[in-house]
């Protein structure tokens, strides 16, 4: 198995690690160091971190519901995904594609 290529995220400050602007879907707390306050080095102006654990679980559950021909469960899962951010929805479908291609 080939080791995956590592990517690096550059942050303005170690304080960025606790910034809610950087994490998609988190409630935003105003920060003086943000791009909204003129910090052109704020990483949240270019990137957001998407938490994928729940999205991955939903993608797996959707595929299982589909395999069991359980339309009601598929609808429930898709309804939950529809309430997520646009970025999270896109990530969900990417995960769904990856998981289903591994199972093929």
Protein backbone atom coordinates (compact mmCIF):
# COMPACT_ATOMS: atom_id res chain seq x y z
CA UNK A 1 0.00 0.00 0.00
CA UNK A 2 1.40 3.37 -1.03
CA UNK A 3 1.62 6.06 1.61
CA UNK A 4 -0.80 8.90 0.78
CA UNK A 5 0.69 12.26 -0.16
CA UNK A 6 0.51 14.62 2.79
CA UNK A 7 -0.90 18.10 2.28
CA UNK A 8 -0.15 21.02 4.54
CA UNK A 9 -2.37 23.81 5.81
CA UNK A 10 -0.62 27.06 6.66
CA UNK A 11 -2.14 29.06 9.48
CA UNK A 12 -1.61 32.69 10.44
CA UNK A 13 -1.35 31.87 14.15
CA UNK A 14 -1.79 28.95 16.54
CA UNK A 15 -4.98 30.74 17.62
CA UNK A 16 -6.44 29.79 14.22
CA UNK A 17 -6.76 26.21 15.52
CA UNK A 18 -9.60 27.32 17.80
CA UNK A 19 -11.28 29.67 15.32
CA UNK A 20 -14.85 28.82 14.40
CA UNK A 21 -14.53 30.65 11.08
CA UNK A 22 -12.12 27.93 9.96
CA UNK A 23 -14.51 25.02 10.66
CA UNK A 24 -17.55 24.71 8.37
CA UNK A 25 -20.86 24.61 10.17
CA UNK A 26 -19.62 25.89 13.52
CA UNK A 27 -21.34 28.86 15.14
CA UNK A 28 -19.23 31.92 14.34
CA UNK A 29 -17.83 33.99 17.17
CA UNK A 30 -16.47 37.39 16.10
CA UNK A 31 -12.68 37.54 16.06
CA UNK A 32 -10.53 40.62 15.60
CA UNK A 33 -7.94 38.67 13.64
CA UNK A 34 -10.39 37.52 10.92
CA UNK A 35 -10.44 38.53 7.29
CA UNK A 36 -13.66 40.41 8.04
CA UNK A 37 -11.55 42.73 10.21
CA UNK A 38 -8.88 43.25 7.56
CA UNK A 39 -6.45 40.38 8.24
CA UNK A 40 -5.42 39.39 4.72
CA UNK A 41 -3.52 36.39 6.14
CA UNK A 42 -6.61 34.80 7.70
CA UNK A 43 -6.78 31.21 6.41
CA UNK A 44 -10.58 31.15 6.77
CA UNK A 45 -10.81 33.51 3.82
CA UNK A 46 -9.58 30.69 1.56
CA UNK A 47 -10.27 27.37 3.27
CA UNK A 48 -12.72 25.69 5.63
CA UNK A 49 -12.31 22.42 7.46
CA UNK A 50 -15.17 19.96 6.96
CA UNK A 51 -15.76 17.42 9.74
CA UNK A 52 -16.48 14.16 7.90
CA UNK A 53 -17.21 11.54 10.57
CA UNK A 54 -20.99 12.00 10.57
CA UNK A 55 -21.06 12.53 6.80
CA UNK A 56 -19.17 9.27 6.23
CA UNK A 57 -21.57 7.41 8.54
CA UNK A 58 -24.54 8.83 6.65
CA UNK A 59 -23.04 7.88 3.28
CA UNK A 60 -22.48 4.31 4.50
CA UNK A 61 -26.02 4.16 5.94
CA UNK A 62 -27.47 5.48 2.66
CA UNK A 63 -25.74 2.75 0.68
CA UNK A 64 -27.01 0.16 3.16
CA UNK A 65 -30.57 1.51 2.91
CA UNK A 66 -30.31 1.42 -0.88
CA UNK A 67 -29.05 -2.20 -0.78
CA UNK A 68 -32.03 -3.07 1.45
CA UNK A 69 -34.40 -1.12 -0.85
CA UNK A 70 -35.49 0.97 2.11
CA UNK A 71 -36.74 4.17 0.51
CA UNK A 72 -37.96 5.66 3.79
CA UNK A 73 -34.49 5.34 5.35
CA UNK A 74 -32.85 6.80 2.24
CA UNK A 75 -35.24 9.76 2.40
CA UNK A 76 -34.54 10.29 6.11
CA UNK A 77 -30.77 10.32 5.51
CA UNK A 78 -31.02 12.67 2.51
CA UNK A 79 -33.30 14.99 4.49
CA UNK A 80 -30.62 15.22 7.21
CA UNK A 81 -27.90 15.87 4.62
CA UNK A 82 -30.02 18.61 3.01
CA UNK A 83 -29.82 20.58 6.28
CA UNK A 84 -26.01 20.65 6.15
CA UNK A 85 -23.98 23.44 4.55
CA UNK A 86 -23.38 23.42 0.80
CA UNK A 87 -19.76 22.40 1.39
CA UNK A 88 -20.80 19.52 3.65
CA UNK A 89 -23.34 18.32 1.06
CA UNK A 90 -20.67 18.32 -1.64
CA UNK A 91 -18.33 16.39 0.66
CA UNK A 92 -21.13 13.89 1.44
CA UNK A 93 -21.54 13.08 -2.26
CA UNK A 94 -17.78 12.77 -2.72
CA UNK A 95 -17.66 10.33 0.20
CA UNK A 96 -20.65 8.45 -1.20
CA UNK A 97 -18.85 8.04 -4.54
CA UNK A 98 -15.63 6.88 -2.85
CA UNK A 99 -17.36 4.38 -0.58
CA UNK A 100 -19.55 2.95 -3.35
CA UNK A 101 -16.57 2.58 -5.73
CA UNK A 102 -14.62 0.70 -3.04
CA UNK A 103 -17.57 -1.67 -2.59
CA UNK A 104 -17.85 -2.37 -6.34
